[in-house]
Amino acid sequence: MVEKLTPGRVIFNILNYGFMILFGIACVLPLWHVLMASVSDPRMLMSASGILFRPLGDITMDGYRMVLANPSIITGYINTILYVLITTVIMIAGSVIGGFLLSRRELKLKGLLAIFLLITMMFGGGMIPSYMVIKGLGILNTRWAVILPGCMNAFYIMMMKSAFDQLSPSYEESAKLDGAGPLTIMVRILLPMLQANVAVIVMFNVIMQWNSWFNASIYLPKSRDLWPLALYMREVLINNDTAKMASSLDAEQAADYTANLVKYCVTVVGTLPLLCAYPFAQKYFVAGVQMGGVKG
């Protein structure tokens, strides 16, 4: 059926597409500005103003060499990847198991458990009680102080519960007739049909953990070697610590680099992995969020 283009529909399409184009430009323009500034001549960059559409002067990679020559950045990358991998694996396992259990009709106190999870989503203990718990567990200034608080999320459990609820009961009934147990039904029958939901949880957790620095700044005050990349980036961006970044260069060459060049290069180094990974996971987002967020 061909839709009739009325004057109102034409105006709506023009405004809709125009708004989306402007919104896309507003999202891409800051990224492009940072990328162009990171390869610009530092002397010209120092006196430039406004948004850059092309590099200033000759393209140079000296800023990236300066950033990557600092061992703290490499250490931050390793720590961040480790935190992301561990928390993602535990998050997925806990969310899938929790959502599957809450979706069982025969589970006693299912409603009470769901209410308990919803309460934790609306109310939190706060920073001081959380710090006291971490200190009481004896994991302050250890990797577990960063890993454990990010291993579970009530929202993801409820999202998986809703996704399991939307699957037809016939899948489970057929598996039971073949002698499958609950674990087999969850892992081999139902979970493969919820790959989009799992992909959404993975991507959300990766983004959250990759950009997380606050917990590390509180729980790792004496363990600088355990800091994630985001915390090192914060130190460079806020404290303007260019002297440490240029420690491997001679004094005359280091003097040519400005704080702005280092900031732009650190920003690109820290965000580039997420920008490269996002397009591959984006196709799962709409299906995953809709299936886990709307009960049919």
C-alpha atoms as a PDB file:
ATOM      1  CA  MET A   1       0.000   0.000   0.000  1.00  0.00           C
ATOM      2  CA  VAL A   2       1.431   3.351  -1.090  1.00  0.00           C
ATOM      3  CA  GLU A   3       1.103   6.105   1.489  1.00  0.00           C
ATOM      4  CA  LYS A   4      -0.447   9.296   0.186  1.00  0.00           C
ATOM      5  CA  LEU A   5       1.790  12.293   0.726  1.00  0.00           C
ATOM      6  CA  THR A   6      -0.404  15.032   2.076  1.00  0.00           C
ATOM      7  CA  PRO A   7       0.960  18.554   2.649  1.00  0.00           C
ATOM      8  CA  GLY A   8       1.066  17.858   6.384  1.00  0.00           C
ATOM      9  CA  ARG A   9       3.034  14.644   5.849  1.00  0.00           C
ATOM     10  CA  VAL A  10       5.522  16.417   3.568  1.00  0.00           C
ATOM     11  CA  ILE A  11       6.086  19.158   6.152  1.00  0.00           C
ATOM     12  CA  PHE A  12       6.497  16.554   8.905  1.00  0.00           C
ATOM     13  CA  ASN A  13       9.071  14.602   6.849  1.00  0.00           C
ATOM     14  CA  ILE A  14      11.047  17.755   6.094  1.00  0.00           C
ATOM     15  CA  LEU A  15      11.105  18.796   9.744  1.00  0.00           C
ATOM     16  CA  ASN A  16      11.829  15.255  10.917  1.00  0.00           C
ATOM     17  CA  TYR A  17      14.742  14.659   8.547  1.00  0.00           C
ATOM     18  CA  GLY A  18      16.043  18.174   9.111  1.00  0.00           C
ATOM     19  CA  PHE A  19      16.036  17.709  12.868  1.00  0.00           C
ATOM     20  CA  MET A  20      17.776  14.320  12.630  1.00  0.00           C
ATOM     21  CA  ILE A  21      20.451  15.750  10.322  1.00  0.00           C
ATOM     22  CA  LEU A  22      21.095  18.647  12.696  1.00  0.00           C
ATOM     23  CA  PHE A  23      21.160  16.270  15.658  1.00  0.00           C
ATOM     24  CA  GLY A  24      23.647  13.999  13.863  1.00  0.00           C
ATOM     25  CA  ILE A  25      25.886  16.958  13.034  1.00  0.00           C
ATOM     26  CA  ALA A  26      25.738  18.121  16.668  1.00  0.00           C
ATOM     27  CA  CYS A  27      26.915  14.659  17.788  1.00  0.00           C
ATOM     28  CA  VAL A  28      29.673  14.225  15.196  1.00  0.00           C
ATOM     29  CA  LEU A  29      31.077  17.760  15.185  1.00  0.00           C
ATOM     30  CA  PRO A  30      32.683  17.654  18.679  1.00  0.00           C
ATOM     31  CA  LEU A  31      34.303  14.305  17.876  1.00  0.00           C
ATOM     32  CA  TRP A  32      35.663  15.652  14.608  1.00  0.00           C
ATOM     33  CA  HIS A  33      36.970  18.775  16.353  1.00  0.00           C
ATOM     34  CA  VAL A  34      38.852  16.704  18.945  1.00  0.00           C
ATOM     35  CA  LEU A  35      40.319  14.432  16.248  1.00  0.00           C
ATOM     36  CA  MET A  36      41.498  17.352  14.104  1.00  0.00           C
ATOM     37  CA  ALA A  37      42.963  19.165  17.106  1.00  0.00           C
ATOM     38  CA  SER A  38      44.887  16.064  18.205  1.00  0.00           C
ATOM     39  CA  VAL A  39      46.903  16.010  14.955  1.00  0.00           C
ATOM     40  CA  SER A  40      47.327  19.773  14.596  1.00  0.00           C
ATOM     41  CA  ASP A  41      50.462  21.835  15.045  1.00  0.00           C
ATOM     42  CA  PRO A  42      50.627  22.605  18.800  1.00  0.00           C
ATOM     43  CA  ARG A  43      51.788  26.199  18.296  1.00  0.00           C
ATOM     44  CA  MET A  44      48.892  27.014  15.940  1.00  0.00           C
ATOM     45  CA  LEU A  45      46.468  25.094  18.147  1.00  0.00           C
ATOM     46  CA  MET A  46      47.419  27.228  21.117  1.00  0.00           C
ATOM     47  CA  SER A  47      46.187  30.400  19.404  1.00  0.00           C
ATOM     48  CA  ALA A  48      43.208  28.865  17.569  1.00  0.00           C
ATOM     49  CA  SER A  49      39.585  29.335  18.560  1.00  0.00           C
ATOM     50  CA  GLY A  50      36.312  27.822  17.443  1.00  0.00           C
ATOM     51  CA  ILE A  51      35.619  24.426  15.894  1.00  0.00           C
ATOM     52  CA  LEU A  52      38.314  22.881  13.712  1.00  0.00           C
ATOM     53  CA  PHE A  53      37.243  21.302  10.432  1.00  0.00           C
ATOM     54  CA  ARG A  54      40.782  20.418   9.334  1.00  0.00           C
ATOM     55  CA  PRO A  55      44.161  20.083  11.050  1.00  0.00           C
ATOM     56  CA  LEU A  56      46.091  23.261  11.723  1.00  0.00           C
ATOM     57  CA  GLY A  57      49.465  23.241  10.020  1.00  0.00           C
ATOM     58  CA  ASP A  58      51.218  19.995   9.187  1.00  0.00           C
ATOM     59  CA  ILE A  59      49.688  16.803  10.533  1.00  0.00           C
ATOM     60  CA  THR A  60      51.709  15.552  13.484  1.00  0.00           C
ATOM     61  CA  MET A  61      51.495  12.454  15.637  1.00  0.00           C
ATOM     62  CA  ASP A  62      53.872  13.780  18.282  1.00  0.00           C
ATOM     63  CA  GLY A  63      51.017  14.261  20.733  1.00  0.00           C
ATOM     64  CA  TYR A  64      50.041  10.593  20.505  1.00  0.00           C
ATOM     65  CA  ARG A  65      53.656   9.515  20.881  1.00  0.00           C
ATOM     66  CA  MET A  66      53.887  11.685  23.970  1.00  0.00           C
ATOM     67  CA  VAL A  67      50.728  10.155  25.471  1.00  0.00           C
ATOM     68  CA  LEU A  68      51.529   6.541  24.628  1.00  0.00           C
ATOM     69  CA  ALA A  69      55.107   6.897  25.888  1.00  0.00           C
ATOM     70  CA  ASN A  70      53.743   7.310  29.400  1.00  0.00           C
ATOM     71  CA  PRO A  71      53.486   3.907  31.134  1.00  0.00           C
ATOM     72  CA  SER A  72      50.462   5.069  33.141  1.00  0.00           C
ATOM     73  CA  ILE A  73      48.295   5.097  30.015  1.00  0.00           C
ATOM     74  CA  ILE A  74      49.252   1.512  29.148  1.00  0.00           C
ATOM     75  CA  THR A  75      48.665   0.457  32.758  1.00  0.00           C
ATOM     76  CA  GLY A  76      45.291   2.190  32.694  1.00  0.00           C
ATOM     77  CA  TYR A  77      44.324   0.362  29.504  1.00  0.00           C
ATOM     78  CA  ILE A  78      45.245  -3.010  30.996  1.00  0.00           C
ATOM     79  CA  ASN A  79      43.387  -2.309  34.230  1.00  0.00           C
ATOM     80  CA  THR A  80      40.296  -1.042  32.422  1.00  0.00           C
ATOM     81  CA  ILE A  81      40.143  -4.049  30.092  1.00  0.00           C
ATOM     82  CA  LEU A  82      40.520  -6.361  33.089  1.00  0.00           C
ATOM     83  CA  TYR A  83      37.737  -4.604  35.016  1.00  0.00           C
ATOM     84  CA  VAL A  84      35.454  -4.604  31.969  1.00  0.00           C
ATOM     85  CA  LEU A  85      35.948  -8.304  31.229  1.00  0.00           C
ATOM     86  CA  ILE A  86      35.450  -9.520  34.800  1.00  0.00           C
ATOM     87  CA  THR A  87      32.432  -7.352  35.586  1.00  0.00           C
ATOM     88  CA  THR A  88      30.784  -8.136  32.248  1.00  0.00           C
ATOM     89  CA  VAL A  89      31.091 -11.901  32.685  1.00  0.00           C
ATOM     90  CA  ILE A  90      29.722 -11.781  36.241  1.00  0.00           C
ATOM     91  CA  MET A  91      27.032  -9.260  35.249  1.00  0.00           C
ATOM     92  CA  ILE A  92      25.772 -11.441  32.399  1.00  0.00           C
ATOM     93  CA  ALA A  93      25.744 -14.595  34.522  1.00  0.00           C
ATOM     94  CA  GLY A  94      23.933 -12.912  37.406  1.00  0.00           C
ATOM     95  CA  SER A  95      21.418 -11.092  35.200  1.00  0.00           C
ATOM     96  CA  VAL A  96      20.532 -14.192  33.182  1.00  0.00           C
ATOM     97  CA  ILE A  97      20.178 -16.449  36.233  1.00  0.00           C
ATOM     98  CA  GLY A  98      18.261 -13.836  38.223  1.00  0.00           C
ATOM     99  CA  GLY A  99      15.932 -13.011  35.351  1.00  0.00           C
ATOM    100  CA  PHE A 100      15.296 -16.694  34.631  1.00  0.00           C
ATOM    101  CA  LEU A 101      14.444 -17.456  38.261  1.00  0.00           C
ATOM    102  CA  LEU A 102      12.085 -14.484  38.597  1.00  0.00           C
ATOM    103  CA  SER A 103      10.283 -15.560  35.424  1.00  0.00           C
ATOM    104  CA  ARG A 104       9.412 -18.993  36.888  1.00  0.00           C
ATOM    105  CA  ARG A 105       5.725 -19.230  37.728  1.00  0.00           C
ATOM    106  CA  GLU A 106       6.349 -21.868  40.371  1.00  0.00           C
ATOM    107  CA  LEU A 107       8.910 -19.777  42.288  1.00  0.00           C
ATOM    108  CA  LYS A 108       7.638 -18.916  45.754  1.00  0.00           C
ATOM    109  CA  LEU A 109       7.976 -15.323  46.959  1.00  0.00           C
ATOM    110  CA  LYS A 110       8.662 -14.243  43.376  1.00  0.00           C
ATOM    111  CA  GLY A 111       6.713 -11.034  43.846  1.00  0.00           C
ATOM    112  CA  LEU A 112       8.529 -10.182  47.076  1.00  0.00           C
ATOM    113  CA  LEU A 113      11.913 -10.664  45.430  1.00  0.00           C
ATOM    114  CA  ALA A 114      10.878  -8.466  42.508  1.00  0.00           C
ATOM    115  CA  ILE A 115       9.764  -5.721  44.895  1.00  0.00           C
ATOM    116  CA  PHE A 116      13.083  -5.968  46.744  1.00  0.00           C
ATOM    117  CA  LEU A 117      14.982  -5.480  43.483  1.00  0.00           C
ATOM    118  CA  LEU A 118      12.804  -2.535  42.515  1.00  0.00           C
ATOM    119  CA  ILE A 119      13.492  -0.887  45.886  1.00  0.00           C
ATOM    120  CA  THR A 120      17.252  -1.171  45.306  1.00  0.00           C
ATOM    121  CA  MET A 121      16.765   0.564  41.940  1.00  0.00           C
ATOM    122  CA  MET A 122      15.047   3.546  43.573  1.00  0.00           C
ATOM    123  CA  PHE A 123      17.047   3.879  46.799  1.00  0.00           C
ATOM    124  CA  GLY A 124      20.754   3.542  47.517  1.00  0.00           C
ATOM    125  CA  GLY A 125      22.838   3.563  50.649  1.00  0.00           C
ATOM    126  CA  GLY A 126      25.066   6.406  49.476  1.00  0.00           C
ATOM    127  CA  MET A 127      28.784   6.916  49.208  1.00  0.00           C
ATOM    128  CA  ILE A 128      29.739   6.732  52.893  1.00  0.00           C
ATOM    129  CA  PRO A 129      27.943   3.420  53.667  1.00  0.00           C
ATOM    130  CA  SER A 130      29.377   1.934  50.477  1.00  0.00           C
ATOM    131  CA  TYR A 131      32.873   2.986  51.494  1.00  0.00           C
ATOM    132  CA  MET A 132      32.368   1.487  54.951  1.00  0.00           C
ATOM    133  CA  VAL A 133      31.245  -1.809  53.414  1.00  0.00           C
ATOM    134  CA  ILE A 134      34.269  -1.948  51.092  1.00  0.00           C
ATOM    135  CA  LYS A 135      36.588  -1.127  53.983  1.00  0.00           C
ATOM    136  CA  GLY A 136      34.868  -3.638  56.266  1.00  0.00           C
ATOM    137  CA  LEU A 137      35.348  -6.380  53.679  1.00  0.00           C
ATOM    138  CA  GLY A 138      39.075  -5.646  53.673  1.00  0.00           C
ATOM    139  CA  ILE A 139      39.273  -5.028  49.930  1.00  0.00           C
ATOM    140  CA  LEU A 140      40.161  -1.335  50.025  1.00  0.00           C
ATOM    141  CA  ASN A 141      43.072  -0.549  47.652  1.00  0.00           C
ATOM    142  CA  THR A 142      42.558  -3.844  45.793  1.00  0.00           C
ATOM    143  CA  ARG A 143      41.043  -4.650  42.399  1.00  0.00           C
ATOM    144  CA  TRP A 144      37.982  -6.155  44.078  1.00  0.00           C
ATOM    145  CA  ALA A 145      37.009  -2.730  45.398  1.00  0.00           C
ATOM    146  CA  VAL A 146      36.349  -1.686  41.796  1.00  0.00           C
ATOM    147  CA  ILE A 147      35.058  -5.037  40.502  1.00  0.00           C
ATOM    148  CA  LEU A 148      32.517  -6.053  43.156  1.00  0.00           C
ATOM    149  CA  PRO A 149      30.339  -2.872  43.152  1.00  0.00           C
ATOM    150  CA  GLY A 150      29.925  -3.199  39.373  1.00  0.00           C
ATOM    151  CA  CYS A 151      29.064  -6.893  39.226  1.00  0.00           C
ATOM    152  CA  MET A 152      25.291  -6.690  39.636  1.00  0.00           C
ATOM    153  CA  ASN A 153      22.524  -4.387  38.479  1.00  0.00           C
ATOM    154  CA  ALA A 154      18.859  -4.803  39.416  1.00  0.00           C
ATOM    155  CA  PHE A 155      17.712  -3.104  36.210  1.00  0.00           C
ATOM    156  CA  TYR A 156      19.413  -5.727  34.047  1.00  0.00           C
ATOM    157  CA  ILE A 157      17.858  -8.537  36.098  1.00  0.00           C
ATOM    158  CA  MET A 158      14.374  -7.089  35.610  1.00  0.00           C
ATOM    159  CA  MET A 159      15.070  -6.579  31.909  1.00  0.00           C
ATOM    160  CA  MET A 160      16.053 -10.235  31.510  1.00  0.00           C
ATOM    161  CA  LYS A 161      13.001 -11.300  33.537  1.00  0.00           C
ATOM    162  CA  SER A 162      10.745  -9.380  31.165  1.00  0.00           C
ATOM    163  CA  ALA A 163      12.523 -10.921  28.173  1.00  0.00           C
ATOM    164  CA  PHE A 164      12.091 -14.461  29.523  1.00  0.00           C
ATOM    165  CA  ASP A 165       8.403 -13.727  30.245  1.00  0.00           C
ATOM    166  CA  GLN A 166       7.819 -12.790  26.605  1.00  0.00           C
ATOM    167  CA  LEU A 167       9.049 -16.125  25.265  1.00  0.00           C
ATOM    168  CA  SER A 168       6.362 -18.664  24.464  1.00  0.00           C
ATOM    169  CA  PRO A 169       5.908 -21.357  27.157  1.00  0.00           C
ATOM    170  CA  SER A 170       5.845 -23.963  24.383  1.00  0.00           C
ATOM    171  CA  TYR A 171       9.647 -23.846  24.094  1.00  0.00           C
ATOM    172  CA  GLU A 172      10.064 -24.849  27.714  1.00  0.00           C
ATOM    173  CA  GLU A 173       7.281 -27.450  27.574  1.00  0.00           C
ATOM    174  CA  SER A 174       8.827 -29.124  24.547  1.00  0.00           C
ATOM    175  CA  ALA A 175      12.223 -29.235  26.226  1.00  0.00           C
ATOM    176  CA  LYS A 176      10.728 -30.770  29.365  1.00  0.00           C
ATOM    177  CA  LEU A 177       9.103 -33.523  27.271  1.00  0.00           C
ATOM    178  CA  ASP A 178      12.586 -34.357  25.987  1.00  0.00           C
ATOM    179  CA  GLY A 179      13.884 -34.605  29.554  1.00  0.00           C
ATOM    180  CA  ALA A 180      15.690 -31.254  29.753  1.00  0.00           C
ATOM    181  CA  GLY A 181      16.288 -29.766  33.197  1.00  0.00           C
ATOM    182  CA  PRO A 182      16.055 -26.079  34.205  1.00  0.00           C
ATOM    183  CA  LEU A 183      19.742 -25.386  33.501  1.00  0.00           C
ATOM    184  CA  THR A 184      19.557 -26.932  30.038  1.00  0.00           C
ATOM    185  CA  ILE A 185      16.356 -25.042  29.267  1.00  0.00           C
ATOM    186  CA  MET A 186      17.895 -21.739  30.332  1.00  0.00           C
ATOM    187  CA  VAL A 187      21.267 -22.117  28.605  1.00  0.00           C
ATOM    188  CA  ARG A 188      20.503 -24.147  25.475  1.00  0.00           C
ATOM    189  CA  ILE A 189      16.850 -23.373  24.703  1.00  0.00           C
ATOM    190  CA  LEU A 190      15.880 -19.892  25.912  1.00  0.00           C
ATOM    191  CA  LEU A 191      19.135 -17.932  26.145  1.00  0.00           C
ATOM    192  CA  PRO A 192      20.051 -18.250  22.418  1.00  0.00           C
ATOM    193  CA  MET A 193      16.783 -16.470  21.600  1.00  0.00           C
ATOM    194  CA  LEU A 194      17.756 -13.541  23.841  1.00  0.00           C
ATOM    195  CA  GLN A 195      21.094 -12.669  22.268  1.00  0.00           C
ATOM    196  CA  ALA A 196      19.950  -9.104  21.590  1.00  0.00           C
ATOM    197  CA  ASN A 197      19.179  -8.560  25.280  1.00  0.00           C
ATOM    198  CA  VAL A 198      22.537  -9.969  26.306  1.00  0.00           C
ATOM    199  CA  ALA A 199      24.279  -7.726  23.767  1.00  0.00           C
ATOM    200  CA  VAL A 200      22.524  -4.671  25.226  1.00  0.00           C
ATOM    201  CA  ILE A 201      23.648  -5.557  28.748  1.00  0.00           C
ATOM    202  CA  VAL A 202      27.204  -6.197  27.565  1.00  0.00           C
ATOM    203  CA  MET A 203      27.433  -2.876  25.749  1.00  0.00           C
ATOM    204  CA  PHE A 204      25.851  -0.853  28.551  1.00  0.00           C
ATOM    205  CA  ASN A 205      28.196  -2.422  31.103  1.00  0.00           C
ATOM    206  CA  VAL A 206      31.258  -1.936  28.899  1.00  0.00           C
ATOM    207  CA  ILE A 207      30.458   1.756  28.417  1.00  0.00           C
ATOM    208  CA  MET A 208      29.761   2.245  32.131  1.00  0.00           C
ATOM    209  CA  GLN A 209      32.933   0.484  33.267  1.00  0.00           C
ATOM    210  CA  TRP A 210      35.134   2.057  30.593  1.00  0.00           C
ATOM    211  CA  ASN A 211      34.131   5.565  31.629  1.00  0.00           C
ATOM    212  CA  SER A 212      34.058   4.856  35.367  1.00  0.00           C
ATOM    213  CA  TRP A 213      36.592   6.683  37.513  1.00  0.00           C
ATOM    214  CA  PHE A 214      34.724   7.810  40.639  1.00  0.00           C
ATOM    215  CA  ASN A 215      34.769   4.473  42.496  1.00  0.00           C
ATOM    216  CA  ALA A 216      38.452   3.995  41.744  1.00  0.00           C
ATOM    217  CA  SER A 217      39.279   7.470  43.029  1.00  0.00           C
ATOM    218  CA  ILE A 218      37.592   6.612  46.349  1.00  0.00           C
ATOM    219  CA  TYR A 219      38.531   2.957  46.815  1.00  0.00           C
ATOM    220  CA  LEU A 220      42.084   3.041  45.376  1.00  0.00           C
ATOM    221  CA  PRO A 221      43.696   6.119  46.974  1.00  0.00           C
ATOM    222  CA  LYS A 222      46.983   4.322  47.695  1.00  0.00           C
ATOM    223  CA  SER A 223      47.058   1.978  44.679  1.00  0.00           C
ATOM    224  CA  ARG A 224      47.869   4.135  41.669  1.00  0.00           C
ATOM    225  CA  ASP A 225      49.017   1.084  39.711  1.00  0.00           C
ATOM    226  CA  LEU A 226      45.419  -0.247  39.860  1.00  0.00           C
ATOM    227  CA  TRP A 227      43.775   2.886  38.458  1.00  0.00           C
ATOM    228  CA  PRO A 228      41.586   2.494  35.346  1.00  0.00           C
ATOM    229  CA  LEU A 229      42.235   4.512  32.226  1.00  0.00           C
ATOM    230  CA  ALA A 230      39.426   6.989  32.942  1.00  0.00           C
ATOM    231  CA  LEU A 231      41.068   8.045  36.194  1.00  0.00           C
ATOM    232  CA  TYR A 232      44.408   8.672  34.494  1.00  0.00           C
ATOM    233  CA  MET A 233      42.562  10.671  31.824  1.00  0.00           C
ATOM    234  CA  ARG A 234      40.851  12.724  34.510  1.00  0.00           C
ATOM    235  CA  GLU A 235      44.191  13.482  36.106  1.00  0.00           C
ATOM    236  CA  VAL A 236      45.626  14.702  32.811  1.00  0.00           C
ATOM    237  CA  LEU A 237      42.556  16.706  31.796  1.00  0.00           C
ATOM    238  CA  ILE A 238      42.005  18.385  35.152  1.00  0.00           C
ATOM    239  CA  ASN A 239      45.461  18.689  36.624  1.00  0.00           C
ATOM    240  CA  ASN A 240      47.076  19.518  33.256  1.00  0.00           C
ATOM    241  CA  ASP A 241      49.979  17.253  34.119  1.00  0.00           C
ATOM    242  CA  THR A 242      51.934  17.619  30.894  1.00  0.00           C
ATOM    243  CA  ALA A 243      55.339  17.431  32.533  1.00  0.00           C
ATOM    244  CA  LYS A 244      54.917  13.742  33.370  1.00  0.00           C
ATOM    245  CA  MET A 245      53.598  12.985  29.907  1.00  0.00           C
ATOM    246  CA  ALA A 246      56.684  14.536  28.328  1.00  0.00           C
ATOM    247  CA  SER A 247      59.224  12.934  30.638  1.00  0.00           C
ATOM    248  CA  SER A 248      60.706  10.855  27.822  1.00  0.00           C
ATOM    249  CA  LEU A 249      61.416  13.918  25.634  1.00  0.00           C
ATOM    250  CA  ASP A 250      64.202  16.476  25.945  1.00  0.00           C
ATOM    251  CA  ALA A 251      63.363  19.812  27.483  1.00  0.00           C
ATOM    252  CA  GLU A 252      63.474  21.796  24.227  1.00  0.00           C
ATOM    253  CA  GLN A 253      61.064  19.452  22.426  1.00  0.00           C
ATOM    254  CA  ALA A 254      58.748  19.152  25.415  1.00  0.00           C
ATOM    255  CA  ALA A 255      58.417  22.932  25.550  1.00  0.00           C
ATOM    256  CA  ASP A 256      56.763  22.911  22.119  1.00  0.00           C
ATOM    257  CA  TYR A 257      53.789  20.888  23.332  1.00  0.00           C
ATOM    258  CA  THR A 258      50.864  22.603  24.941  1.00  0.00           C
ATOM    259  CA  ALA A 259      48.342  21.387  27.432  1.00  0.00           C
ATOM    260  CA  ASN A 260      45.583  21.451  24.824  1.00  0.00           C
ATOM    261  CA  LEU A 261      47.395  19.023  22.505  1.00  0.00           C
ATOM    262  CA  VAL A 262      47.868  16.501  25.302  1.00  0.00           C
ATOM    263  CA  LYS A 263      44.235  16.819  26.366  1.00  0.00           C
ATOM    264  CA  TYR A 264      42.936  16.189  22.867  1.00  0.00           C
ATOM    265  CA  CYS A 265      45.217  13.199  22.311  1.00  0.00           C
ATOM    266  CA  VAL A 266      44.316  11.636  25.658  1.00  0.00           C
ATOM    267  CA  THR A 267      40.619  12.071  24.848  1.00  0.00           C
ATOM    268  CA  VAL A 268      41.006  10.298  21.500  1.00  0.00           C
ATOM    269  CA  VAL A 269      43.078   7.480  22.986  1.00  0.00           C
ATOM    270  CA  GLY A 270      40.512   6.907  25.715  1.00  0.00           C
ATOM    271  CA  THR A 271      37.354   7.010  23.576  1.00  0.00           C
ATOM    272  CA  LEU A 272      38.505   5.448  20.303  1.00  0.00           C
ATOM    273  CA  PRO A 273      37.971   1.782  21.364  1.00  0.00           C
ATOM    274  CA  LEU A 274      34.331   2.446  22.295  1.00  0.00           C
ATOM    275  CA  LEU A 275      33.690   4.391  19.095  1.00  0.00           C
ATOM    276  CA  CYS A 276      35.061   1.486  17.055  1.00  0.00           C
ATOM    277  CA  ALA A 277      33.076  -1.178  18.938  1.00  0.00           C
ATOM    278  CA  TYR A 278      29.725   0.609  19.117  1.00  0.00           C
ATOM    279  CA  PRO A 279      28.672   0.228  15.430  1.00  0.00           C
ATOM    280  CA  PHE A 280      28.989  -3.569  15.658  1.00  0.00           C
ATOM    281  CA  ALA A 281      26.687  -3.754  18.709  1.00  0.00           C
ATOM    282  CA  GLN A 282      24.254  -0.994  17.735  1.00  0.00           C
ATOM    283  CA  LYS A 283      22.072  -3.308  15.610  1.00  0.00           C
ATOM    284  CA  TYR A 284      21.133  -5.281  18.741  1.00  0.00           C
ATOM    285  CA  PHE A 285      20.075  -2.249  20.763  1.00  0.00           C
ATOM    286  CA  VAL A 286      16.574  -1.593  19.431  1.00  0.00           C
ATOM    287  CA  ALA A 287      15.493  -5.238  19.457  1.00  0.00           C
ATOM    288  CA  GLY A 288      17.091  -5.903  22.847  1.00  0.00           C
ATOM    289  CA  VAL A 289      15.661  -2.890  24.637  1.00  0.00           C
ATOM    290  CA  GLN A 290      12.190  -3.380  23.160  1.00  0.00           C
ATOM    291  CA  MET A 291      12.059  -7.069  24.019  1.00  0.00           C
ATOM    292  CA  GLY A 292      13.350  -6.560  27.557  1.00  0.00           C
ATOM    293  CA  GLY A 293      11.402  -3.400  28.306  1.00  0.00           C
ATOM    294  CA  VAL A 294       7.914  -4.121  26.931  1.00  0.00           C
ATOM    295  CA  LYS A 295       5.838  -7.017  28.129  1.00  0.00           C
ATOM    296  CA  GLY A 296       3.703  -8.526  25.417  1.00  0.00           C
END
